[in-house]
Amino acid sequence: MSESSLRDAFQTALQIPAEQVTDGLQYNSIRQWDSVGHMALVAEIESRFAVVLSTDEILGLSSFAEAKRILQAHGIDCNGKAG
């Protein structure tokens, strides 16, 4: 998997354009990433990457950059650009 797969997960779950998904994107920084959007994002990440996030990881999922770090801890490298 790649960064583009994670970017797609954010776009799908939050229903936002690709240009909004950057390392600087943070929880509650846009209208779509509220508590409901957060749970949609968690579900999309878990489904797309076949992982189960812990409660601490769900609560700590505070930015696109943090999502990459969380997936890295699950052995999934999202730093590459290829899909």
Protein backbone atom coordinates (compact mmCIF):
# COMPACT_ATOMS: atom_id res chain seq x y z
CA MET A 1 0.00 0.00 0.00
CA SER A 2 1.08 3.54 -0.48
CA GLU A 3 0.44 7.07 0.57
CA SER A 4 -1.96 7.40 -2.36
CA SER A 5 -4.08 4.56 -0.93
CA LEU A 6 -4.29 6.37 2.39
CA ARG A 7 -5.04 9.63 0.61
CA ASP A 8 -7.89 7.86 -1.23
CA ALA A 9 -9.22 6.58 2.12
CA PHE A 10 -9.33 10.14 3.47
CA GLN A 11 -11.00 11.43 0.29
CA THR A 12 -13.63 8.68 0.39
CA ALA A 13 -14.42 8.85 4.09
CA LEU A 14 -14.44 12.62 4.40
CA GLN A 15 -15.77 13.31 0.88
CA ILE A 16 -13.12 15.91 0.15
CA PRO A 17 -10.96 16.66 -2.92
CA ALA A 18 -7.43 15.27 -3.19
CA GLU A 19 -5.79 18.67 -2.75
CA GLN A 20 -7.20 18.92 0.78
CA VAL A 21 -5.45 15.73 1.89
CA THR A 22 -2.00 16.86 3.04
CA ASP A 23 0.23 16.09 6.01
CA GLY A 24 -1.16 19.27 7.57
CA LEU A 25 -4.78 18.05 7.48
CA GLN A 26 -5.95 17.72 11.09
CA TYR A 27 -9.05 16.59 12.96
CA ASN A 28 -11.62 19.40 13.18
CA SER A 29 -9.60 21.57 10.78
CA ILE A 30 -12.32 21.12 8.16
CA ARG A 31 -16.08 20.78 8.56
CA GLN A 32 -16.10 17.22 7.19
CA TRP A 33 -13.66 15.88 9.79
CA ASP A 34 -15.89 16.09 12.82
CA SER A 35 -16.69 13.19 15.18
CA VAL A 36 -18.96 11.49 12.62
CA GLY A 37 -16.40 11.96 9.85
CA HIS A 38 -13.74 10.60 12.19
CA MET A 39 -15.62 7.32 12.66
CA ALA A 40 -16.20 7.05 8.90
CA LEU A 41 -12.46 7.58 8.41
CA VAL A 42 -11.57 4.91 10.98
CA ALA A 43 -13.93 2.44 9.28
CA GLU A 44 -12.48 3.24 5.84
CA ILE A 45 -8.88 2.83 7.03
CA GLU A 46 -9.64 -0.44 8.81
CA SER A 47 -11.42 -1.82 5.75
CA ARG A 48 -8.95 -0.62 3.14
CA PHE A 49 -5.83 -1.70 5.03
CA ALA A 50 -7.29 -4.80 6.77
CA VAL A 51 -6.30 -3.59 10.25
CA VAL A 52 -8.10 -3.12 13.54
CA LEU A 53 -7.15 0.11 15.26
CA SER A 54 -6.94 0.20 19.03
CA THR A 55 -8.91 2.72 21.04
CA ASP A 56 -5.70 4.68 21.63
CA GLU A 57 -4.96 4.71 17.89
CA ILE A 58 -8.51 5.85 17.08
CA LEU A 59 -8.26 8.67 19.61
CA GLY A 60 -4.74 9.52 18.41
CA LEU A 61 -5.72 9.68 14.74
CA SER A 62 -5.44 13.45 14.68
CA SER A 63 -3.95 14.15 11.25
CA PHE A 64 -3.08 12.64 7.89
CA ALA A 65 0.56 12.50 9.00
CA GLU A 66 -0.42 10.66 12.19
CA ALA A 67 -2.47 8.16 10.15
CA LYS A 68 0.71 7.28 8.25
CA ARG A 69 2.57 6.72 11.54
CA ILE A 70 -0.24 4.55 12.92
CA LEU A 71 -0.28 2.36 9.81
CA GLN A 72 3.53 2.14 9.93
CA ALA A 73 3.16 0.65 13.42
CA HIS A 74 0.96 -2.02 11.82
CA GLY A 75 3.71 -2.78 9.28
CA ILE A 76 2.09 -0.82 6.45
CA ASP A 77 4.35 1.66 4.65
CA CYS A 78 2.36 4.66 3.46
CA ASN A 79 5.34 6.85 2.64
CA GLY A 80 5.68 5.69 -0.98
CA LYS A 81 3.82 7.47 -3.76
CA ALA A 82 2.92 4.52 -6.00
CA GLY A 83 -0.44 2.82 -5.67
